[in-house]
N, C-alpha and C. Protein backbone atom coordinates (compact mmCIF):
# COMPACT_ATOMS: atom_id res chain seq x y z
N UNK A 1 12.29 31.89 60.05
CA UNK A 1 11.90 33.01 61.37
C UNK A 1 11.33 34.06 60.42
N UNK A 2 10.06 34.78 60.55
CA UNK A 2 9.28 35.56 60.22
C UNK A 2 10.10 36.73 60.65
N UNK A 3 9.94 38.06 59.75
CA UNK A 3 10.20 38.75 60.17
C UNK A 3 9.46 39.69 60.60
N UNK A 4 10.36 40.84 61.79
CA UNK A 4 9.91 41.44 62.74
C UNK A 4 9.25 42.59 62.13
N UNK A 5 8.24 42.98 62.08
CA UNK A 5 7.61 43.96 61.03
C UNK A 5 8.20 45.45 61.93
N UNK A 6 7.26 45.64 63.06
CA UNK A 6 7.92 46.99 64.04
C UNK A 6 8.67 46.39 65.61
N UNK A 7 10.04 46.85 65.49
CA UNK A 7 10.94 46.25 66.71
C UNK A 7 9.98 47.54 68.06
N UNK A 8 10.05 46.91 69.15
CA UNK A 8 10.48 47.56 70.02
C UNK A 8 11.06 47.46 71.02
N UNK A 9 11.03 48.63 72.45
CA UNK A 9 11.61 48.82 73.56
C UNK A 9 12.06 47.47 73.62
N UNK A 10 11.69 45.90 74.12
CA UNK A 10 12.23 45.21 74.08
C UNK A 10 13.60 44.45 73.18
N UNK A 11 12.92 44.83 72.23
CA UNK A 11 14.15 44.85 70.93
C UNK A 11 15.21 45.22 71.18
N UNK A 12 14.67 46.42 71.27
CA UNK A 12 15.96 47.41 71.22
C UNK A 12 17.13 47.13 72.26
N UNK A 13 16.22 46.84 73.82
CA UNK A 13 17.87 46.44 74.70
C UNK A 13 18.07 45.18 75.13
N UNK A 14 17.29 44.29 73.96
CA UNK A 14 18.05 43.02 73.82
C UNK A 14 19.69 42.37 73.49
N UNK A 15 20.20 43.32 72.84
CA UNK A 15 21.34 43.34 72.46
C UNK A 15 22.31 44.35 72.04
N UNK A 16 22.87 45.00 72.59
CA UNK A 16 23.92 46.26 72.01
C UNK A 16 23.65 46.65 70.52
N UNK A 17 24.03 45.88 69.87
CA UNK A 17 23.75 45.98 68.18
C UNK A 17 22.87 46.67 67.87
N UNK A 18 21.35 45.74 68.76
CA UNK A 18 19.94 46.32 68.22
C UNK A 18 19.96 48.18 68.86
N UNK A 19 20.43 48.36 69.78
CA UNK A 19 20.58 49.79 70.61
C UNK A 19 21.12 50.32 69.98
N UNK A 20 22.13 50.35 69.34
CA UNK A 20 23.18 51.02 68.47
C UNK A 20 22.39 51.27 67.10
N UNK A 21 22.29 50.05 66.11
CA UNK A 21 21.50 50.40 64.88
C UNK A 21 20.23 50.79 65.14
N UNK A 22 19.31 50.66 66.08
CA UNK A 22 18.45 51.50 66.06
C UNK A 22 18.42 52.98 66.64
N UNK A 23 19.79 53.13 66.68
CA UNK A 23 19.63 54.81 67.09
C UNK A 23 19.55 54.80 68.29
N UNK A 24 19.28 53.95 69.15
CA UNK A 24 19.39 54.60 70.76
C UNK A 24 17.89 54.54 70.80
N UNK A 25 17.08 54.20 69.81
CA UNK A 25 15.66 54.32 70.38
C UNK A 25 14.46 55.04 69.04
N UNK A 26 15.80 56.08 68.32
CA UNK A 26 15.20 56.89 67.57
C UNK A 26 14.84 55.86 66.31
N UNK A 27 14.84 54.96 65.94
CA UNK A 27 14.43 54.33 64.77
C UNK A 27 12.87 53.98 65.12
N UNK A 28 12.80 53.68 66.33
CA UNK A 28 11.15 52.72 66.58
C UNK A 28 9.87 53.32 66.45
N UNK A 29 10.08 55.03 65.92
CA UNK A 29 8.85 55.47 65.32
C UNK A 29 8.52 54.20 64.24
N UNK A 30 6.94 54.53 63.88
CA UNK A 30 6.77 53.71 62.57
C UNK A 30 6.65 54.40 61.43
N UNK A 31 6.52 55.97 61.68
CA UNK A 31 6.54 56.74 60.87
C UNK A 31 7.42 57.29 60.52
N UNK A 32 8.35 57.36 59.39
CA UNK A 32 9.59 58.15 59.00
C UNK A 32 10.82 57.76 60.09
N UNK A 33 10.99 56.81 60.16
CA UNK A 33 12.18 56.31 61.42
C UNK A 33 13.38 56.88 60.68
N UNK A 34 13.82 56.72 59.43
CA UNK A 34 14.86 57.80 59.22
C UNK A 34 15.10 59.14 59.32
N UNK A 35 13.78 59.72 59.35
CA UNK A 35 14.11 60.94 59.22
C UNK A 35 14.34 61.11 60.98
N UNK A 36 13.20 60.48 61.60
CA UNK A 36 13.94 60.81 63.31
C UNK A 36 15.50 60.15 63.55
N UNK A 37 15.99 59.15 63.05
CA UNK A 37 17.43 58.57 63.51
C UNK A 37 18.33 59.84 62.68
N UNK A 38 17.92 60.32 61.86
CA UNK A 38 18.49 61.78 61.24
C UNK A 38 18.70 62.74 62.56
N UNK A 39 17.08 63.48 62.82
CA UNK A 39 17.21 64.25 63.72
C UNK A 39 17.54 64.12 65.46
N UNK A 40 18.14 62.57 65.57
CA UNK A 40 18.50 61.80 66.54
C UNK A 40 20.40 62.48 66.69
N UNK A 41 20.69 62.17 65.11
CA UNK A 41 21.89 62.47 65.47
C UNK A 41 22.48 63.85 65.47
N UNK A 42 21.73 64.70 65.14
CA UNK A 42 21.70 66.68 65.45
C UNK A 42 22.46 66.63 66.68
N UNK A 43 21.21 66.20 68.27
CA UNK A 43 22.23 66.33 69.27
C UNK A 43 23.29 65.88 69.74
N UNK A 44 23.54 64.65 68.75
CA UNK A 44 24.96 63.82 69.31
C UNK A 44 25.73 64.34 68.92
N UNK A 45 25.66 64.91 67.63
CA UNK A 45 26.13 65.96 66.65
C UNK A 45 27.14 67.05 67.58
N UNK A 46 26.11 67.70 67.99
CA UNK A 46 26.09 68.81 68.80
C UNK A 46 27.33 68.62 69.95
N UNK A 47 27.01 67.55 70.68
CA UNK A 47 27.28 67.15 71.92
C UNK A 47 28.78 66.68 71.10
N UNK A 48 28.76 65.74 70.31
CA UNK A 48 30.33 65.90 69.78
C UNK A 48 31.40 66.74 69.67
N UNK A 49 30.67 68.16 69.19
CA UNK A 49 31.10 69.33 68.45
C UNK A 49 31.71 70.23 69.65
N UNK A 50 31.25 69.48 71.24
CA UNK A 50 31.09 70.54 72.33
C UNK A 50 33.14 70.24 72.93
N UNK A 51 33.63 68.70 72.32
CA UNK A 51 34.94 68.39 72.69
C UNK A 51 35.50 68.26 71.38
N UNK A 52 35.11 67.61 69.80
CA UNK A 52 35.78 67.82 68.56
C UNK A 52 36.01 68.73 68.32
N UNK A 53 36.88 68.95 67.46
CA UNK A 53 36.87 69.74 65.59
C UNK A 53 35.62 69.14 64.68
N UNK A 54 35.13 70.04 63.84
CA UNK A 54 34.91 69.28 63.01
C UNK A 54 35.27 68.16 62.14
N UNK A 55 36.78 68.56 62.17
CA UNK A 55 37.88 67.74 61.23
C UNK A 55 37.89 66.37 62.39
N UNK A 56 37.83 66.45 63.40
CA UNK A 56 38.02 64.77 64.22
C UNK A 56 36.99 64.38 64.15
N UNK A 57 35.58 65.26 63.74
CA UNK A 57 34.23 64.27 63.92
C UNK A 57 34.30 63.83 62.62
N UNK A 58 34.86 64.32 61.69
CA UNK A 58 34.97 63.34 60.25
C UNK A 58 35.59 62.83 60.72
N UNK A 59 36.76 62.44 60.66
CA UNK A 59 38.06 61.17 61.40
C UNK A 59 36.57 60.11 62.36
N UNK A 60 35.79 60.51 63.45
CA UNK A 60 35.25 59.78 63.97
C UNK A 60 34.47 58.98 62.97
N UNK A 61 33.77 59.33 62.39
CA UNK A 61 33.13 58.48 60.94
C UNK A 61 33.17 57.47 60.84
N UNK A 62 34.68 57.35 60.94
CA UNK A 62 35.29 55.84 60.19
C UNK A 62 35.19 54.94 61.24
N UNK A 63 35.70 55.15 62.90
CA UNK A 63 35.03 53.87 63.25
C UNK A 63 33.54 54.00 63.74
N UNK A 64 32.59 55.25 63.52
CA UNK A 64 31.07 54.86 64.19
C UNK A 64 31.02 53.79 62.77
N UNK A 65 31.34 53.92 61.54
CA UNK A 65 30.58 53.68 60.42
C UNK A 65 31.13 51.85 60.39
N UNK A 66 32.42 51.63 60.75
CA UNK A 66 32.85 49.88 61.14
C UNK A 66 31.60 49.45 62.14
N UNK A 67 31.35 50.35 63.31
CA UNK A 67 30.42 50.07 64.23
C UNK A 67 28.97 49.82 63.83
N UNK A 68 28.90 50.68 63.04
CA UNK A 68 27.36 51.00 62.53
C UNK A 68 27.30 49.81 61.61
N UNK A 69 28.04 49.63 61.11
CA UNK A 69 28.02 47.96 59.65
C UNK A 69 27.97 46.83 60.61
N UNK A 70 28.73 46.42 61.70
CA UNK A 70 28.80 45.40 62.84
C UNK A 70 26.95 45.17 63.52
N UNK A 71 26.45 46.64 64.19
CA UNK A 71 24.97 46.88 64.00
C UNK A 71 24.26 46.33 63.71
N UNK A 72 24.18 47.20 62.42
CA UNK A 72 23.43 47.37 61.23
C UNK A 72 22.95 45.44 61.03
N UNK A 73 24.20 45.02 60.78
CA UNK A 73 24.05 43.50 60.34
C UNK A 73 23.53 42.55 61.22
N UNK A 74 23.59 42.28 62.85
CA UNK A 74 23.34 41.89 63.86
C UNK A 74 21.76 42.10 63.88
N UNK A 75 21.27 43.28 63.88
CA UNK A 75 20.06 43.97 63.90
C UNK A 75 19.43 43.28 62.64
N UNK A 76 20.17 43.49 61.38
CA UNK A 76 19.09 43.18 60.27
C UNK A 76 18.94 41.68 60.41
N UNK A 77 19.57 40.78 60.64
CA UNK A 77 19.29 39.28 61.07
C UNK A 77 18.29 39.24 61.88
N UNK A 78 18.42 40.12 63.44
CA UNK A 78 18.07 39.46 63.94
C UNK A 78 15.93 40.40 63.73
N UNK A 79 15.61 41.19 62.93
CA UNK A 79 14.85 41.68 62.24
C UNK A 79 14.10 41.01 61.48
N UNK A 80 15.31 39.88 60.11
CA UNK A 80 14.72 39.49 59.57
C UNK A 80 14.28 39.82 57.72
N UNK A 81 15.00 41.32 58.08
CA UNK A 81 14.83 42.18 57.33
C UNK A 81 16.39 43.11 57.41
N UNK A 82 16.97 42.36 55.76
CA UNK A 82 18.30 43.28 55.52
C UNK A 82 18.79 44.87 56.04
N UNK A 83 17.83 45.43 55.25
CA UNK A 83 17.99 47.51 55.53
C UNK A 83 16.60 47.63 56.32
N UNK A 84 15.70 46.91 57.21
CA UNK A 84 14.79 47.17 58.03
C UNK A 84 14.78 48.88 58.20
N UNK A 85 13.28 49.58 58.15
CA UNK A 85 13.35 51.22 58.22
C UNK A 85 14.11 51.20 59.56
N UNK A 86 14.04 50.64 60.32
CA UNK A 86 13.92 50.98 62.23
C UNK A 86 15.55 50.91 61.86
N UNK A 87 16.47 50.42 61.22
CA UNK A 87 17.70 50.63 61.45
C UNK A 87 18.15 51.91 60.97
N UNK A 88 18.97 53.22 61.67
CA UNK A 88 18.92 54.15 61.53
C UNK A 88 20.38 54.88 62.11
N UNK A 89 21.17 53.50 62.36
CA UNK A 89 22.71 54.14 62.44
C UNK A 89 22.98 54.48 61.35
N UNK A 90 22.73 54.52 60.01
CA UNK A 90 23.50 54.64 58.96
C UNK A 90 23.12 56.36 58.95
N UNK A 91 21.90 56.90 59.10
CA UNK A 91 21.36 58.28 58.77
C UNK A 91 22.48 58.99 60.22
N UNK A 92 22.56 58.55 61.06
CA UNK A 92 23.50 59.03 62.29
C UNK A 92 24.54 59.48 61.70
N UNK A 93 25.26 58.65 61.23
CA UNK A 93 26.60 58.41 61.10
C UNK A 93 27.46 59.33 59.62
N UNK A 94 25.97 59.47 58.98
CA UNK A 94 25.77 60.29 57.58
C UNK A 94 25.89 61.35 57.78
N UNK A 95 24.43 61.93 58.70
CA UNK A 95 24.54 63.34 59.13
C UNK A 95 26.13 63.79 60.08
N UNK A 96 26.33 63.24 60.86
CA UNK A 96 27.46 63.34 61.10
C UNK A 96 28.68 64.10 60.34
N UNK A 97 28.95 63.47 59.04
CA UNK A 97 29.96 63.29 58.48
C UNK A 97 29.13 64.62 57.31
N UNK A 98 28.35 65.10 57.03
CA UNK A 98 27.85 65.93 56.69
C UNK A 98 27.84 67.43 57.39
N UNK A 99 27.42 67.27 58.56
CA UNK A 99 27.71 68.27 59.68
C UNK A 99 29.01 68.43 59.94
N UNK A 100 29.83 68.04 59.67
CA UNK A 100 31.67 68.01 59.84
C UNK A 100 31.92 68.73 58.69
N UNK A 101 31.28 68.72 57.72
CA UNK A 101 31.94 69.90 56.56
C UNK A 101 31.24 70.99 55.89
N UNK A 102 29.84 70.92 56.89
CA UNK A 102 29.25 72.65 56.44
C UNK A 102 29.31 73.58 57.62
N UNK A 103 29.03 74.87 57.67
CA UNK A 103 29.56 75.83 58.41
C UNK A 103 28.85 75.92 59.77
N UNK A 104 29.50 75.36 60.96
CA UNK A 104 28.43 75.35 62.23
C UNK A 104 27.64 76.48 62.62
N UNK A 105 26.32 76.70 61.86
CA UNK A 105 25.73 77.64 62.14
C UNK A 105 24.14 76.89 61.85
N UNK A 106 23.15 77.92 62.36
CA UNK A 106 21.41 76.98 61.73
C UNK A 106 21.32 77.04 60.77
N UNK A 107 21.37 77.72 60.03
CA UNK A 107 21.10 77.47 58.38
C UNK A 107 22.28 76.50 57.99
N UNK A 108 23.60 76.15 58.13
CA UNK A 108 24.33 75.02 57.61
C UNK A 108 23.43 73.83 58.19
N UNK A 109 22.94 74.09 59.15
CA UNK A 109 22.40 72.43 60.16
C UNK A 109 21.27 72.43 59.46
N UNK A 110 20.83 73.18 59.36
CA UNK A 110 19.13 73.13 58.51
C UNK A 110 19.47 71.95 57.24
N UNK A 111 20.01 73.18 56.17
CA UNK A 111 20.67 73.23 54.97
C UNK A 111 21.36 71.23 54.93
N UNK A 112 21.79 71.23 55.67
CA UNK A 112 22.12 69.70 55.71
C UNK A 112 21.32 68.89 56.11
N UNK A 113 20.09 68.76 57.19
CA UNK A 113 19.21 67.79 57.50
C UNK A 113 18.29 68.13 56.27
N UNK A 114 18.05 68.66 55.48
CA UNK A 114 17.05 68.48 54.66
C UNK A 114 17.66 67.53 52.85
N UNK A 115 18.73 68.68 52.60
CA UNK A 115 19.21 68.17 51.45
C UNK A 115 19.77 66.95 51.91
N UNK A 116 20.01 66.17 53.09
CA UNK A 116 20.41 64.78 53.29
C UNK A 116 18.76 64.07 52.94
N UNK A 117 17.90 64.37 53.42
CA UNK A 117 17.02 63.57 53.60
C UNK A 117 16.49 63.47 52.24
N UNK A 118 16.63 64.77 51.29
CA UNK A 118 16.10 64.39 50.11
C UNK A 118 16.75 63.42 49.36
N UNK A 119 18.68 63.25 49.89
CA UNK A 119 19.02 62.09 48.61
C UNK A 119 18.62 61.08 49.59
N UNK A 120 18.53 61.17 50.86
CA UNK A 120 18.19 59.61 51.17
C UNK A 120 17.11 59.20 50.84
N UNK A 121 16.12 59.88 50.51
CA UNK A 121 14.66 58.97 50.33
C UNK A 121 14.53 59.04 49.28
N UNK A 122 15.46 59.93 47.75
CA UNK A 122 14.88 59.60 46.51
C UNK A 122 15.72 58.72 45.96
N UNK A 123 16.99 58.71 46.78
CA UNK A 123 18.42 57.50 46.35
C UNK A 123 18.58 57.63 44.65
N UNK A 124 19.64 58.81 44.49
CA UNK A 124 19.54 58.69 43.01
C UNK A 124 20.67 57.75 42.75
N UNK A 125 21.28 57.61 41.34
CA UNK A 125 22.20 56.77 41.16
C UNK A 125 23.45 56.92 41.68
N UNK A 126 24.15 56.01 42.13
CA UNK A 126 23.74 54.63 42.36
C UNK A 126 23.60 54.08 43.64
N UNK A 127 23.14 55.41 44.09
CA UNK A 127 23.01 54.92 45.62
C UNK A 127 21.22 53.91 45.36
N UNK A 128 20.36 54.05 44.89
CA UNK A 128 19.39 53.07 45.13
C UNK A 128 19.71 51.41 44.77
N UNK A 129 20.88 51.55 43.33
CA UNK A 129 21.32 49.91 42.93
C UNK A 129 22.57 49.40 44.38
N UNK A 130 23.03 50.29 44.94
CA UNK A 130 24.03 49.86 45.81
C UNK A 130 22.52 49.23 47.15
N UNK A 131 22.15 50.06 47.27
CA UNK A 131 21.01 49.87 48.52
C UNK A 131 20.44 48.39 47.91
N UNK A 132 20.14 48.16 46.71
CA UNK A 132 19.40 46.63 46.42
C UNK A 132 20.30 45.60 46.22
N UNK A 133 21.82 46.15 45.58
CA UNK A 133 22.63 44.95 45.59
C UNK A 133 23.43 44.56 46.84
N UNK A 134 23.91 45.38 47.76
CA UNK A 134 25.16 44.93 48.54
C UNK A 134 24.32 44.46 49.47
N UNK A 135 24.52 43.29 50.45
CA UNK A 135 23.98 42.83 51.58
C UNK A 135 24.57 43.09 53.02
N UNK A 136 23.83 43.03 53.66
CA UNK A 136 24.34 42.92 55.23
C UNK A 136 24.39 44.50 55.97
N UNK A 137 25.32 44.25 57.10
CA UNK A 137 25.84 46.08 57.41
C UNK A 137 26.03 46.84 55.91
N UNK A 138 27.11 46.15 55.73
CA UNK A 138 28.00 46.94 55.05
C UNK A 138 26.99 47.73 53.81
N UNK A 139 26.35 47.09 53.44
CA UNK A 139 24.86 47.45 52.67
C UNK A 139 24.36 48.60 53.17
N UNK A 140 23.94 48.74 54.51
CA UNK A 140 22.59 49.25 55.21
C UNK A 140 23.10 50.76 55.13
N UNK A 141 25.29 50.58 55.44
CA UNK A 141 25.48 51.96 55.19
C UNK A 141 25.96 52.51 54.68
N UNK A 142 26.87 51.56 53.09
CA UNK A 142 27.16 52.15 52.20
C UNK A 142 26.24 53.59 51.43
N UNK A 143 25.28 53.29 51.75
CA UNK A 143 24.37 54.02 50.45
C UNK A 143 23.53 55.61 51.51
N UNK A 144 23.95 55.26 52.72
CA UNK A 144 23.59 56.51 53.33
C UNK A 144 24.99 57.64 53.27
N UNK A 145 26.13 56.31 53.31
CA UNK A 145 27.27 57.73 53.06
C UNK A 145 27.70 57.88 51.46
N UNK A 146 26.97 57.58 50.78
CA UNK A 146 26.87 57.71 49.17
C UNK A 146 25.96 59.07 49.11
N UNK A 147 24.58 59.02 49.96
CA UNK A 147 23.85 60.06 50.02
C UNK A 147 24.64 61.35 51.22
N UNK A 148 25.12 61.10 51.75
CA UNK A 148 25.96 62.24 52.67
C UNK A 148 27.01 62.92 51.49
N UNK A 149 27.85 61.89 50.57
CA UNK A 149 28.84 62.24 49.52
C UNK A 149 27.82 63.73 48.76
N UNK A 150 26.96 62.90 48.42
CA UNK A 150 25.95 63.96 47.41
C UNK A 150 25.48 65.12 48.12
N UNK A 151 25.71 65.26 49.38
CA UNK A 151 25.11 66.41 50.02
C UNK A 151 26.05 67.08 50.03
N UNK A 152 26.49 66.79 50.68
CA UNK A 152 28.32 67.46 50.64
C UNK A 152 28.65 68.29 49.50
N UNK A 153 28.37 67.64 48.27
CA UNK A 153 28.82 68.39 46.98
C UNK A 153 27.55 69.38 46.80
N UNK A 154 26.54 68.96 47.11
CA UNK A 154 25.47 70.32 46.93
C UNK A 154 25.61 71.50 47.83
N UNK A 155 26.16 71.07 49.00
CA UNK A 155 25.98 72.83 50.09
C UNK A 155 27.23 72.97 49.39
N UNK A 156 28.54 72.13 49.34
CA UNK A 156 29.91 72.51 48.94
C UNK A 156 29.33 73.67 48.05
N UNK A 157 28.76 73.10 46.71
CA UNK A 157 28.46 73.80 45.83
C UNK A 157 27.79 75.85 45.97
N UNK A 158 26.52 75.07 46.98
CA UNK A 158 25.90 76.37 47.48
C UNK A 158 26.63 77.34 48.03
N UNK A 159 27.51 77.08 48.80
CA UNK A 159 28.40 77.86 48.96
C UNK A 159 29.35 78.26 48.32
N UNK A 160 30.00 77.93 47.46
CA UNK A 160 31.13 78.29 46.45
C UNK A 160 29.94 79.41 45.54
N UNK A 161 29.19 79.05 45.08
CA UNK A 161 28.29 80.49 44.12
C UNK A 161 27.25 81.31 45.44
N UNK A 162 27.15 80.57 46.34
CA UNK A 162 26.68 81.85 47.36
C UNK A 162 26.77 81.89 48.48
N UNK A 163 28.30 82.19 48.80
CA UNK A 163 28.84 82.13 50.04
C UNK A 163 28.24 82.30 51.25
N UNK A 164 26.94 83.47 51.38
CA UNK A 164 26.26 84.13 52.36
C UNK A 164 25.19 83.24 53.17
N UNK A 165 24.58 82.01 52.06
CA UNK A 165 23.49 80.84 52.14
C UNK A 165 23.62 80.37 53.31
N UNK A 166 24.91 80.22 53.90
CA UNK A 166 24.85 79.03 55.01
C UNK A 166 25.22 79.89 55.93
N UNK A 167 25.35 80.97 56.32
CA UNK A 167 26.17 81.50 57.40
C UNK A 167 25.44 82.68 58.17
N UNK A 168 24.02 82.02 58.17
CA UNK A 168 23.60 82.27 59.33
C UNK A 168 22.52 81.27 60.59
């Protein structure tokens, strides 16, 4: 089976795992699907935070990670590519985790988005190594979890040394 280069709405709706893995459609744009997936995570997170505390949201990331692992694995096999760019559930779950740990302010969310995208794109050690070596849905999800960890560390450092930076 040859890989699917650009999944479409039919692919998205063919299986629930495809719908989840492709971020409810946010992974369909050909340009910067990871950025679109991360952006899609923001309103989803805002909706969740209407009912959950940030700590509860962080705990929710555990079953979301497990669901994302399954969905990314199914979609990756159907697409014929282990970590197809259109699979963005990893970005969504990772940005939820980051947003659960920063101040719930406009500047906190913007900083979370920007710093996470930098780490997700640059993939510093060991993210790039894991991305290349860990197969399946778990491999798709784990590299973004590490990018979230790096993001959280940077933003906590920023909040420690410059407390007013994320308070607006």
